[in-house]
Amino acid sequence: MVRHKDSSAILIRLAYILGNLTTNWEEVRLQLCKTKGKQSSFQILIDLAIYYFDKEENPSKTGQVSSNKYEDFTKGNLEDALTKVVKLLANLSTEEGTAISEFSTEGNQSKLKEFLSKMLRAVDTRTVEQNEEFILNAISCTTNILYYDTATSPLLDTELRSQVFRSCAKFLLATQNEEIQIETVRVLSNLSRHS
């Protein structure tokens, strides 16, 4: 996926396929979690997401425009890429054995915090009416990451937890989407362990 990070057509399809496969198939999630290389699957996905959030926030800094319509990242393609990468990360985060070690490694914690902060800022700029899939996947990903943020082994600081609360709590009553409401309750439940 890293090799194709500037090709919207390839990256979105890869992330879509992997996201769907990892939704219900534990074997696929485990296989992706065990992938060997310079970086783990978690590190790759977090780096990709940060790359796309940066590209969204500052389009001129992150790349050149191609003449190939299948490579260019339009605003819609960028949203689609973020949605798919966030969904894949949310799915992999359900593999407790791998996720806890990935998230608690000191070097990965700063990247995880950067990712969450950028994702929550992106959630704050979107509406359920126009960006329902992204918001659902972002809240689900946040829920799954917060599962590992316990009082005895904190991953996040108070400021980031406050940002999570501010970004997600509004979806409890502001939408009729039951999935988003349930994921929001799960976020709040996980946050309540630090009260």
C-alpha atoms as a PDB file:
ATOM      1  CA  MET A   1       0.000   0.000   0.000  1.00  0.00           C
ATOM      2  CA  VAL A   2       2.859   2.363   0.770  1.00  0.00           C
ATOM      3  CA  ARG A   3       4.181   1.930  -2.758  1.00  0.00           C
ATOM      4  CA  HIS A   4       0.817   3.099  -4.110  1.00  0.00           C
ATOM      5  CA  LYS A   5       0.071   5.867  -1.623  1.00  0.00           C
ATOM      6  CA  ASP A   6      -0.082   8.497  -4.379  1.00  0.00           C
ATOM      7  CA  SER A   7      -2.259   6.399  -6.681  1.00  0.00           C
ATOM      8  CA  SER A   8      -5.852   6.854  -5.622  1.00  0.00           C
ATOM      9  CA  ALA A   9      -7.232   4.063  -7.803  1.00  0.00           C
ATOM     10  CA  ILE A  10      -4.907   1.373  -6.480  1.00  0.00           C
ATOM     11  CA  LEU A  11      -4.708   2.422  -2.842  1.00  0.00           C
ATOM     12  CA  ILE A  12      -8.438   2.847  -2.359  1.00  0.00           C
ATOM     13  CA  ARG A  13      -9.159  -0.552  -3.874  1.00  0.00           C
ATOM     14  CA  LEU A  14      -6.461  -2.290  -1.822  1.00  0.00           C
ATOM     15  CA  ALA A  15      -7.669  -0.694   1.402  1.00  0.00           C
ATOM     16  CA  TYR A  16     -11.286  -1.463   0.507  1.00  0.00           C
ATOM     17  CA  ILE A  17     -10.542  -5.149  -0.109  1.00  0.00           C
ATOM     18  CA  LEU A  18      -8.424  -5.526   3.035  1.00  0.00           C
ATOM     19  CA  GLY A  19     -10.966  -3.603   5.112  1.00  0.00           C
ATOM     20  CA  ASN A  20     -13.771  -5.898   3.998  1.00  0.00           C
ATOM     21  CA  LEU A  21     -11.723  -9.058   4.504  1.00  0.00           C
ATOM     22  CA  THR A  22     -10.649  -8.021   8.002  1.00  0.00           C
ATOM     23  CA  THR A  23     -14.152  -7.081   9.118  1.00  0.00           C
ATOM     24  CA  ASN A  24     -15.229 -10.655   9.821  1.00  0.00           C
ATOM     25  CA  TRP A  25     -12.263 -12.933   9.152  1.00  0.00           C
ATOM     26  CA  GLU A  26      -9.994 -13.289  12.140  1.00  0.00           C
ATOM     27  CA  GLU A  27      -7.501 -15.337  10.112  1.00  0.00           C
ATOM     28  CA  VAL A  28      -6.986 -12.445   7.679  1.00  0.00           C
ATOM     29  CA  ARG A  29      -6.565  -9.966  10.549  1.00  0.00           C
ATOM     30  CA  LEU A  30      -3.998 -12.226  12.208  1.00  0.00           C
ATOM     31  CA  GLN A  31      -2.122 -12.675   8.936  1.00  0.00           C
ATOM     32  CA  LEU A  32      -1.944  -8.927   8.372  1.00  0.00           C
ATOM     33  CA  CYS A  33      -0.865  -8.353  11.959  1.00  0.00           C
ATOM     34  CA  LYS A  34       1.959 -10.869  11.548  1.00  0.00           C
ATOM     35  CA  THR A  35       3.280  -9.326   8.327  1.00  0.00           C
ATOM     36  CA  LYS A  36       7.037  -8.946   8.575  1.00  0.00           C
ATOM     37  CA  GLY A  37       9.016  -6.042   7.228  1.00  0.00           C
ATOM     38  CA  LYS A  38      10.633  -2.784   8.256  1.00  0.00           C
ATOM     39  CA  GLN A  39       7.321  -1.601   9.660  1.00  0.00           C
ATOM     40  CA  SER A  40       4.350  -3.426  11.119  1.00  0.00           C
ATOM     41  CA  SER A  41       0.923  -3.221   9.481  1.00  0.00           C
ATOM     42  CA  PHE A  42      -0.139  -0.844  12.275  1.00  0.00           C
ATOM     43  CA  GLN A  43       2.798   1.483  11.643  1.00  0.00           C
ATOM     44  CA  ILE A  44       2.162   1.456   7.897  1.00  0.00           C
ATOM     45  CA  LEU A  45      -1.541   2.251   8.306  1.00  0.00           C
ATOM     46  CA  ILE A  46      -0.928   4.988  10.871  1.00  0.00           C
ATOM     47  CA  ASP A  47       1.747   6.550   8.643  1.00  0.00           C
ATOM     48  CA  LEU A  48      -0.563   6.347   5.605  1.00  0.00           C
ATOM     49  CA  ALA A  49      -3.436   7.924   7.511  1.00  0.00           C
ATOM     50  CA  ILE A  50      -1.204  10.740   8.773  1.00  0.00           C
ATOM     51  CA  TYR A  51       0.042  11.269   5.216  1.00  0.00           C
ATOM     52  CA  TYR A  52      -3.538  11.603   3.919  1.00  0.00           C
ATOM     53  CA  PHE A  53      -4.654  13.814   6.807  1.00  0.00           C
ATOM     54  CA  ASP A  54      -1.671  16.084   6.076  1.00  0.00           C
ATOM     55  CA  LYS A  55      -2.517  16.037   2.373  1.00  0.00           C
ATOM     56  CA  GLU A  56      -6.096  16.986   3.200  1.00  0.00           C
ATOM     57  CA  GLU A  57      -5.035  19.800   5.537  1.00  0.00           C
ATOM     58  CA  ASN A  58      -2.341  21.136   3.202  1.00  0.00           C
ATOM     59  CA  PRO A  59      -2.729  19.782  -0.348  1.00  0.00           C
ATOM     60  CA  SER A  60       0.161  21.753  -1.854  1.00  0.00           C
ATOM     61  CA  LYS A  61       2.796  20.367   0.546  1.00  0.00           C
ATOM     62  CA  THR A  62       2.396  16.636   0.039  1.00  0.00           C
ATOM     63  CA  GLY A  63       2.718  15.964  -3.640  1.00  0.00           C
ATOM     64  CA  GLN A  64       2.537  16.949  -7.233  1.00  0.00           C
ATOM     65  CA  VAL A  65      -0.463  16.778  -9.491  1.00  0.00           C
ATOM     66  CA  SER A  66      -0.345  14.028 -12.092  1.00  0.00           C
ATOM     67  CA  SER A  67      -1.817  14.129 -15.563  1.00  0.00           C
ATOM     68  CA  ASN A  68      -3.283  10.654 -14.976  1.00  0.00           C
ATOM     69  CA  LYS A  69      -6.866  10.864 -13.674  1.00  0.00           C
ATOM     70  CA  TYR A  70      -6.467   7.494 -11.931  1.00  0.00           C
ATOM     71  CA  GLU A  71      -3.588   8.745  -9.814  1.00  0.00           C
ATOM     72  CA  ASP A  72      -4.783  12.161  -8.759  1.00  0.00           C
ATOM     73  CA  PHE A  73      -6.277  12.505  -5.330  1.00  0.00           C
ATOM     74  CA  THR A  74      -9.332  14.660  -5.590  1.00  0.00           C
ATOM     75  CA  LYS A  75     -11.050  15.731  -2.382  1.00  0.00           C
ATOM     76  CA  GLY A  76     -13.488  12.813  -2.763  1.00  0.00           C
ATOM     77  CA  ASN A  77     -10.708  10.290  -3.379  1.00  0.00           C
ATOM     78  CA  LEU A  78      -8.811  11.583  -0.379  1.00  0.00           C
ATOM     79  CA  GLU A  79     -11.884  11.144   1.815  1.00  0.00           C
ATOM     80  CA  ASP A  80     -12.355   7.650   0.403  1.00  0.00           C
ATOM     81  CA  ALA A  81      -8.705   6.725   1.061  1.00  0.00           C
ATOM     82  CA  LEU A  82      -8.919   8.001   4.639  1.00  0.00           C
ATOM     83  CA  THR A  83     -12.176   6.140   5.220  1.00  0.00           C
ATOM     84  CA  LYS A  84     -10.748   2.854   3.967  1.00  0.00           C
ATOM     85  CA  VAL A  85      -7.399   3.145   5.793  1.00  0.00           C
ATOM     86  CA  VAL A  86      -9.134   4.099   9.061  1.00  0.00           C
ATOM     87  CA  LYS A  87     -11.543   1.149   8.699  1.00  0.00           C
ATOM     88  CA  LEU A  88      -8.639  -1.232   8.142  1.00  0.00           C
ATOM     89  CA  LEU A  89      -6.814   0.121  11.193  1.00  0.00           C
ATOM     90  CA  ALA A  90     -10.011  -0.182  13.250  1.00  0.00           C
ATOM     91  CA  ASN A  91     -10.358  -3.813  12.187  1.00  0.00           C
ATOM     92  CA  LEU A  92      -6.749  -4.715  12.941  1.00  0.00           C
ATOM     93  CA  SER A  93      -7.084  -3.018  16.337  1.00  0.00           C
ATOM     94  CA  THR A  94      -9.443  -5.771  17.419  1.00  0.00           C
ATOM     95  CA  GLU A  95      -6.517  -8.234  17.501  1.00  0.00           C
ATOM     96  CA  GLU A  96      -5.728  -7.724  21.160  1.00  0.00           C
ATOM     97  CA  GLY A  97      -2.393  -9.556  21.315  1.00  0.00           C
ATOM     98  CA  THR A  98      -0.847  -7.532  18.528  1.00  0.00           C
ATOM     99  CA  ALA A  99      -2.618  -4.218  19.060  1.00  0.00           C
ATOM    100  CA  ILE A 100      -1.613  -3.765  22.694  1.00  0.00           C
ATOM    101  CA  SER A 101       2.057  -4.326  21.928  1.00  0.00           C
ATOM    102  CA  GLU A 102       1.903  -2.037  18.893  1.00  0.00           C
ATOM    103  CA  PHE A 103       0.110   0.769  20.721  1.00  0.00           C
ATOM    104  CA  SER A 104       2.172   0.596  23.904  1.00  0.00           C
ATOM    105  CA  THR A 105       5.599   0.694  22.227  1.00  0.00           C
ATOM    106  CA  GLU A 106       7.115   4.063  23.066  1.00  0.00           C
ATOM    107  CA  GLY A 107       7.982   5.023  19.486  1.00  0.00           C
ATOM    108  CA  ASN A 108       4.535   4.062  18.261  1.00  0.00           C
ATOM    109  CA  GLN A 109       2.704   5.975  21.008  1.00  0.00           C
ATOM    110  CA  SER A 110       3.675   9.384  19.623  1.00  0.00           C
ATOM    111  CA  LYS A 111       2.540   8.371  16.117  1.00  0.00           C
ATOM    112  CA  LEU A 112      -0.687   6.949  17.553  1.00  0.00           C
ATOM    113  CA  LYS A 113      -1.382  10.222  19.373  1.00  0.00           C
ATOM    114  CA  GLU A 114      -0.630  12.230  16.219  1.00  0.00           C
ATOM    115  CA  PHE A 115      -2.940   9.969  14.205  1.00  0.00           C
ATOM    116  CA  LEU A 116      -5.791  10.239  16.728  1.00  0.00           C
ATOM    117  CA  SER A 117      -5.444  13.997  16.985  1.00  0.00           C
ATOM    118  CA  LYS A 118      -5.530  14.459  13.200  1.00  0.00           C
ATOM    119  CA  MET A 119      -8.417  12.010  12.824  1.00  0.00           C
ATOM    120  CA  LEU A 120     -10.451  13.804  15.493  1.00  0.00           C
ATOM    121  CA  ARG A 121      -9.782  17.177  13.840  1.00  0.00           C
ATOM    122  CA  ALA A 122     -11.031  15.635  10.585  1.00  0.00           C
ATOM    123  CA  VAL A 123     -14.170  14.365  12.360  1.00  0.00           C
ATOM    124  CA  ASP A 124     -14.766  17.882  13.707  1.00  0.00           C
ATOM    125  CA  THR A 125     -14.810  19.319  10.160  1.00  0.00           C
ATOM    126  CA  ARG A 126     -17.317  16.825   8.780  1.00  0.00           C
ATOM    127  CA  THR A 127     -21.048  16.222   9.025  1.00  0.00           C
ATOM    128  CA  VAL A 128     -22.898  12.926   9.300  1.00  0.00           C
ATOM    129  CA  GLU A 129     -25.080  13.919   6.358  1.00  0.00           C
ATOM    130  CA  GLN A 130     -22.115  14.225   3.992  1.00  0.00           C
ATOM    131  CA  ASN A 131     -19.445  12.004   5.586  1.00  0.00           C
ATOM    132  CA  GLU A 132     -21.311   9.244   7.398  1.00  0.00           C
ATOM    133  CA  GLU A 133     -18.942   6.389   6.456  1.00  0.00           C
ATOM    134  CA  PHE A 134     -15.823   8.303   7.471  1.00  0.00           C
ATOM    135  CA  ILE A 135     -17.328   9.373  10.796  1.00  0.00           C
ATOM    136  CA  LEU A 136     -18.521   5.844  11.604  1.00  0.00           C
ATOM    137  CA  ASN A 137     -15.106   4.347  10.825  1.00  0.00           C
ATOM    138  CA  ALA A 138     -13.262   7.087  12.731  1.00  0.00           C
ATOM    139  CA  ILE A 139     -15.403   6.632  15.842  1.00  0.00           C
ATOM    140  CA  SER A 140     -15.092   2.852  15.573  1.00  0.00           C
ATOM    141  CA  CYS A 141     -11.307   3.137  15.250  1.00  0.00           C
ATOM    142  CA  THR A 142     -11.206   5.472  18.250  1.00  0.00           C
ATOM    143  CA  THR A 143     -13.299   3.002  20.262  1.00  0.00           C
ATOM    144  CA  ASN A 144     -10.984   0.121  19.430  1.00  0.00           C
ATOM    145  CA  ILE A 145      -7.851   2.096  20.323  1.00  0.00           C
ATOM    146  CA  LEU A 146      -9.387   3.403  23.564  1.00  0.00           C
ATOM    147  CA  TYR A 147     -10.031  -0.184  24.619  1.00  0.00           C
ATOM    148  CA  TYR A 148      -6.277  -0.458  25.298  1.00  0.00           C
ATOM    149  CA  ASP A 149      -6.070   2.899  27.117  1.00  0.00           C
ATOM    150  CA  THR A 150      -6.619   1.792  30.686  1.00  0.00           C
ATOM    151  CA  ALA A 151      -6.008   3.502  34.022  1.00  0.00           C
ATOM    152  CA  THR A 152      -3.194   1.039  34.776  1.00  0.00           C
ATOM    153  CA  SER A 153      -1.615   1.264  31.287  1.00  0.00           C
ATOM    154  CA  PRO A 154      -2.545   4.637  29.787  1.00  0.00           C
ATOM    155  CA  LEU A 155      -1.841   5.248  26.104  1.00  0.00           C
ATOM    156  CA  LEU A 156      -3.295   8.740  25.839  1.00  0.00           C
ATOM    157  CA  ASP A 157      -2.929  11.860  27.902  1.00  0.00           C
ATOM    158  CA  THR A 158      -5.803  13.790  29.453  1.00  0.00           C
ATOM    159  CA  GLU A 159      -5.758  16.423  26.720  1.00  0.00           C
ATOM    160  CA  LEU A 160      -6.203  13.847  23.953  1.00  0.00           C
ATOM    161  CA  ARG A 161      -8.962  12.081  25.896  1.00  0.00           C
ATOM    162  CA  SER A 162     -10.719  15.449  26.211  1.00  0.00           C
ATOM    163  CA  GLN A 163     -10.384  15.933  22.457  1.00  0.00           C
ATOM    164  CA  VAL A 164     -11.894  12.474  21.920  1.00  0.00           C
ATOM    165  CA  PHE A 165     -14.816  13.375  24.181  1.00  0.00           C
ATOM    166  CA  ARG A 166     -15.448  16.739  22.470  1.00  0.00           C
ATOM    167  CA  SER A 167     -15.274  15.213  18.985  1.00  0.00           C
ATOM    168  CA  CYS A 168     -17.437  12.157  19.632  1.00  0.00           C
ATOM    169  CA  ALA A 169     -20.022  13.081  22.270  1.00  0.00           C
ATOM    170  CA  LYS A 170     -22.037  15.216  19.877  1.00  0.00           C
ATOM    171  CA  PHE A 171     -22.873  12.123  17.818  1.00  0.00           C
ATOM    172  CA  LEU A 172     -24.829  10.566  20.639  1.00  0.00           C
ATOM    173  CA  LEU A 173     -27.837  12.799  20.053  1.00  0.00           C
ATOM    174  CA  ALA A 174     -27.056  14.634  16.817  1.00  0.00           C
ATOM    175  CA  THR A 175     -27.683  11.707  14.487  1.00  0.00           C
ATOM    176  CA  GLN A 176     -30.285   9.077  13.814  1.00  0.00           C
ATOM    177  CA  ASN A 177     -27.563   6.644  12.705  1.00  0.00           C
ATOM    178  CA  GLU A 178     -27.749   3.877  15.288  1.00  0.00           C
ATOM    179  CA  GLU A 179     -24.280   2.486  14.449  1.00  0.00           C
ATOM    180  CA  ILE A 180     -22.661   5.858  15.106  1.00  0.00           C
ATOM    181  CA  GLN A 181     -24.639   6.226  18.336  1.00  0.00           C
ATOM    182  CA  ILE A 182     -23.541   2.769  19.543  1.00  0.00           C
ATOM    183  CA  GLU A 183     -19.890   3.444  18.686  1.00  0.00           C
ATOM    184  CA  THR A 184     -20.141   6.798  20.486  1.00  0.00           C
ATOM    185  CA  VAL A 185     -21.477   5.067  23.612  1.00  0.00           C
ATOM    186  CA  ARG A 186     -18.535   2.645  23.391  1.00  0.00           C
ATOM    187  CA  VAL A 187     -16.109   5.592  23.171  1.00  0.00           C
ATOM    188  CA  LEU A 188     -17.687   7.237  26.205  1.00  0.00           C
ATOM    189  CA  SER A 189     -17.661   3.937  28.075  1.00  0.00           C
ATOM    190  CA  ASN A 190     -13.954   3.473  27.403  1.00  0.00           C
ATOM    191  CA  LEU A 191     -13.253   7.073  28.414  1.00  0.00           C
ATOM    192  CA  SER A 192     -15.159   6.610  31.684  1.00  0.00           C
ATOM    193  CA  ARG A 193     -12.490   4.209  32.943  1.00  0.00           C
ATOM    194  CA  HIS A 194     -10.307   7.277  33.587  1.00  0.00           C
ATOM    195  CA  SER A 195     -12.783   9.299  35.631  1.00  0.00           C
END
